[in-house]
Amino acid sequence: MVATKKIVHIDTIGQQIDRLNRHHQDANIEGVIIIVKLKDGSFETGWTGATNFLERIGLVESCKQDMIFAASGLVE
C-alpha cells in the first residue's frame, strides 16, 4: 500500500484541484469537463469520454447557471 500525503493549497485554484483529486482517489468521478484560462490569455478545454454529448451540454449549462446565480448574489 502506498502512503498518501495531504497537500495543503492556499489559493482557490489549488483547492479546486485538490478537491477534484480527492473525488478521483475515492472513485467518485464519472466524467469531467474542464476549461482553464492560462496567463497568456488563451484557454484549454477538455472532457472525458465517460460522458455523452447531452451530458456534457447539461454539465456546461449547470456550470453556467451556477455562475449566473453567483453573479446575482444568490449563491457564494
N, C-alpha and C. Protein backbone atom coordinates (compact mmCIF):
# COMPACT_ATOMS: atom_id res chain seq x y z
N MET A 1 0.84 -1.19 0.00
CA MET A 1 0.00 0.00 0.00
C MET A 1 0.88 1.24 0.00
N VAL A 2 0.54 2.20 -0.83
CA VAL A 2 1.31 3.43 -0.93
C VAL A 2 0.77 4.44 0.06
N ALA A 3 1.66 5.04 0.81
CA ALA A 3 1.26 6.08 1.76
C ALA A 3 0.92 7.34 0.99
N THR A 4 -0.15 8.00 1.38
CA THR A 4 -0.53 9.25 0.73
C THR A 4 -0.28 10.40 1.69
N LYS A 5 0.02 11.54 1.12
CA LYS A 5 0.24 12.74 1.91
C LYS A 5 -0.83 13.76 1.53
N LYS A 6 -1.28 14.50 2.51
CA LYS A 6 -2.24 15.57 2.24
C LYS A 6 -1.47 16.80 1.80
N ILE A 7 -1.89 17.35 0.69
CA ILE A 7 -1.29 18.57 0.17
C ILE A 7 -2.20 19.72 0.55
N VAL A 8 -1.66 20.75 1.16
CA VAL A 8 -2.45 21.91 1.55
C VAL A 8 -2.21 23.01 0.53
N HIS A 9 -3.29 23.46 -0.07
CA HIS A 9 -3.21 24.53 -1.07
C HIS A 9 -3.82 25.80 -0.49
N ILE A 10 -3.15 26.89 -0.67
CA ILE A 10 -3.61 28.15 -0.11
C ILE A 10 -4.57 28.86 -1.06
N ASP A 11 -4.32 28.80 -2.36
CA ASP A 11 -5.16 29.53 -3.30
C ASP A 11 -6.36 28.70 -3.76
N THR A 12 -7.33 29.37 -4.37
CA THR A 12 -8.56 28.69 -4.77
C THR A 12 -8.32 27.72 -5.92
N ILE A 13 -7.36 27.98 -6.77
CA ILE A 13 -7.05 27.04 -7.86
C ILE A 13 -6.55 25.73 -7.29
N GLY A 14 -5.61 25.80 -6.38
CA GLY A 14 -5.09 24.60 -5.74
C GLY A 14 -6.15 23.86 -4.96
N GLN A 15 -7.05 24.60 -4.33
CA GLN A 15 -8.14 23.97 -3.56
C GLN A 15 -9.06 23.18 -4.49
N GLN A 16 -9.38 23.74 -5.65
CA GLN A 16 -10.25 23.03 -6.59
C GLN A 16 -9.56 21.79 -7.14
N ILE A 17 -8.26 21.89 -7.45
CA ILE A 17 -7.51 20.74 -7.94
C ILE A 17 -7.46 19.66 -6.87
N ASP A 18 -7.23 20.05 -5.63
CA ASP A 18 -7.18 19.09 -4.53
C ASP A 18 -8.53 18.42 -4.33
N ARG A 19 -9.60 19.18 -4.41
CA ARG A 19 -10.95 18.64 -4.27
C ARG A 19 -11.24 17.62 -5.37
N LEU A 20 -10.88 17.96 -6.60
CA LEU A 20 -11.07 17.05 -7.72
C LEU A 20 -10.23 15.78 -7.54
N ASN A 21 -9.00 15.94 -7.07
CA ASN A 21 -8.13 14.80 -6.84
C ASN A 21 -8.70 13.87 -5.77
N ARG A 22 -9.28 14.43 -4.70
CA ARG A 22 -9.88 13.60 -3.66
C ARG A 22 -11.05 12.78 -4.21
N HIS A 23 -11.89 13.42 -5.03
CA HIS A 23 -13.00 12.71 -5.66
C HIS A 23 -12.48 11.59 -6.56
N HIS A 24 -11.40 11.87 -7.26
CA HIS A 24 -10.80 10.86 -8.14
C HIS A 24 -10.25 9.69 -7.33
N GLN A 25 -9.55 9.99 -6.25
CA GLN A 25 -8.99 8.93 -5.41
C GLN A 25 -10.09 8.07 -4.79
N ASP A 26 -11.24 8.66 -4.51
CA ASP A 26 -12.37 7.92 -3.93
C ASP A 26 -13.24 7.25 -5.01
N ALA A 27 -12.81 7.35 -6.27
CA ALA A 27 -13.54 6.76 -7.41
C ALA A 27 -14.97 7.29 -7.51
N ASN A 28 -15.17 8.57 -7.22
CA ASN A 28 -16.49 9.19 -7.27
C ASN A 28 -16.77 9.93 -8.57
N ILE A 29 -15.83 9.97 -9.48
CA ILE A 29 -15.99 10.76 -10.70
C ILE A 29 -16.41 9.87 -11.85
N GLU A 30 -17.50 10.26 -12.51
CA GLU A 30 -17.97 9.55 -13.70
C GLU A 30 -17.47 10.23 -14.97
N GLY A 31 -17.37 11.54 -14.94
CA GLY A 31 -16.91 12.29 -16.09
C GLY A 31 -16.46 13.67 -15.68
N VAL A 32 -15.66 14.29 -16.54
CA VAL A 32 -15.10 15.61 -16.23
C VAL A 32 -15.17 16.49 -17.49
N ILE A 33 -15.57 17.73 -17.27
CA ILE A 33 -15.46 18.77 -18.28
C ILE A 33 -14.67 19.89 -17.63
N ILE A 34 -13.69 20.42 -18.36
CA ILE A 34 -12.83 21.44 -17.75
C ILE A 34 -12.50 22.53 -18.77
N ILE A 35 -12.39 23.74 -18.28
CA ILE A 35 -11.87 24.84 -19.07
C ILE A 35 -10.90 25.60 -18.19
N VAL A 36 -9.74 25.90 -18.72
CA VAL A 36 -8.69 26.54 -17.96
C VAL A 36 -8.22 27.79 -18.72
N LYS A 37 -8.24 28.93 -18.04
CA LYS A 37 -7.71 30.16 -18.62
C LYS A 37 -6.24 30.26 -18.23
N LEU A 38 -5.39 30.38 -19.22
CA LEU A 38 -3.95 30.48 -18.97
C LEU A 38 -3.53 31.94 -18.86
N LYS A 39 -2.37 32.17 -18.25
CA LYS A 39 -1.91 33.54 -18.02
C LYS A 39 -1.63 34.30 -19.30
N ASP A 40 -1.41 33.60 -20.41
CA ASP A 40 -1.17 34.30 -21.68
C ASP A 40 -2.46 34.71 -22.37
N GLY A 41 -3.61 34.48 -21.72
CA GLY A 41 -4.90 34.87 -22.26
C GLY A 41 -5.59 33.77 -23.05
N SER A 42 -4.89 32.70 -23.35
CA SER A 42 -5.51 31.59 -24.07
C SER A 42 -6.22 30.68 -23.08
N PHE A 43 -6.94 29.70 -23.58
CA PHE A 43 -7.61 28.76 -22.71
C PHE A 43 -7.55 27.36 -23.31
N GLU A 44 -7.73 26.39 -22.45
CA GLU A 44 -7.77 24.99 -22.86
C GLU A 44 -9.05 24.37 -22.35
N THR A 45 -9.63 23.49 -23.14
CA THR A 45 -10.82 22.77 -22.73
C THR A 45 -10.57 21.27 -22.87
N GLY A 46 -11.34 20.51 -22.14
CA GLY A 46 -11.24 19.06 -22.26
C GLY A 46 -12.39 18.38 -21.57
N TRP A 47 -12.60 17.12 -21.91
CA TRP A 47 -13.62 16.31 -21.27
C TRP A 47 -13.24 14.86 -21.40
N THR A 48 -13.83 14.06 -20.54
CA THR A 48 -13.55 12.63 -20.59
C THR A 48 -14.57 11.94 -21.47
N GLY A 49 -14.21 10.78 -21.93
CA GLY A 49 -15.09 10.01 -22.79
C GLY A 49 -16.23 9.33 -22.06
N ALA A 50 -16.26 9.43 -20.74
CA ALA A 50 -17.29 8.74 -19.95
C ALA A 50 -18.63 9.47 -19.97
N THR A 51 -18.68 10.61 -20.62
CA THR A 51 -19.94 11.36 -20.71
C THR A 51 -20.33 11.49 -22.18
N ASN A 52 -21.62 11.39 -22.45
CA ASN A 52 -22.07 11.56 -23.83
C ASN A 52 -22.32 13.04 -24.11
N PHE A 53 -22.62 13.36 -25.35
CA PHE A 53 -22.78 14.74 -25.78
C PHE A 53 -23.82 15.48 -24.94
N LEU A 54 -25.00 14.89 -24.75
CA LEU A 54 -26.06 15.57 -23.99
C LEU A 54 -25.67 15.79 -22.54
N GLU A 55 -24.97 14.83 -21.94
CA GLU A 55 -24.50 15.00 -20.56
C GLU A 55 -23.50 16.15 -20.49
N ARG A 56 -22.61 16.24 -21.46
CA ARG A 56 -21.63 17.33 -21.48
C ARG A 56 -22.32 18.69 -21.59
N ILE A 57 -23.30 18.79 -22.49
CA ILE A 57 -24.04 20.05 -22.64
C ILE A 57 -24.76 20.39 -21.33
N GLY A 58 -25.37 19.40 -20.69
CA GLY A 58 -26.05 19.62 -19.42
C GLY A 58 -25.11 20.10 -18.33
N LEU A 59 -23.90 19.51 -18.28
CA LEU A 59 -22.92 19.94 -17.28
C LEU A 59 -22.47 21.38 -17.53
N VAL A 60 -22.26 21.71 -18.80
CA VAL A 60 -21.86 23.09 -19.14
C VAL A 60 -22.97 24.06 -18.75
N GLU A 61 -24.22 23.73 -19.03
CA GLU A 61 -25.34 24.60 -18.67
C GLU A 61 -25.50 24.73 -17.17
N SER A 62 -25.25 23.64 -16.43
CA SER A 62 -25.31 23.71 -14.96
C SER A 62 -24.25 24.66 -14.43
N CYS A 63 -23.06 24.58 -14.98
CA CYS A 63 -21.98 25.48 -14.57
C CYS A 63 -22.35 26.93 -14.89
N LYS A 64 -22.90 27.13 -16.07
CA LYS A 64 -23.32 28.47 -16.49
C LYS A 64 -24.35 29.04 -15.51
N GLN A 65 -25.33 28.23 -15.12
CA GLN A 65 -26.35 28.68 -14.17
C GLN A 65 -25.73 29.02 -12.81
N ASP A 66 -24.79 28.20 -12.36
CA ASP A 66 -24.10 28.49 -11.09
C ASP A 66 -23.40 29.84 -11.15
N MET A 67 -22.75 30.13 -12.29
CA MET A 67 -22.06 31.42 -12.42
C MET A 67 -23.05 32.57 -12.45
N ILE A 68 -24.20 32.38 -13.09
CA ILE A 68 -25.23 33.43 -13.11
C ILE A 68 -25.76 33.68 -11.71
N PHE A 69 -26.04 32.61 -10.96
CA PHE A 69 -26.51 32.76 -9.58
C PHE A 69 -25.45 33.47 -8.73
N ALA A 70 -24.19 33.08 -8.90
CA ALA A 70 -23.11 33.72 -8.13
C ALA A 70 -23.01 35.21 -8.47
N ALA A 71 -23.13 35.54 -9.75
CA ALA A 71 -23.04 36.95 -10.18
C ALA A 71 -24.20 37.77 -9.63
N SER A 72 -25.34 37.12 -9.45
CA SER A 72 -26.53 37.84 -8.93
C SER A 72 -26.56 37.88 -7.41
N GLY A 73 -25.58 37.22 -6.77
CA GLY A 73 -25.51 37.23 -5.32
C GLY A 73 -26.39 36.19 -4.65
N LEU A 74 -26.97 35.27 -5.43
CA LEU A 74 -27.85 34.26 -4.86
C LEU A 74 -27.09 33.10 -4.22
N VAL A 75 -25.86 32.87 -4.64
CA VAL A 75 -25.02 31.83 -4.04
C VAL A 75 -23.62 32.39 -3.89
N GLU A 76 -22.83 31.70 -3.08
CA GLU A 76 -21.45 32.15 -2.88
C GLU A 76 -20.52 31.40 -3.79
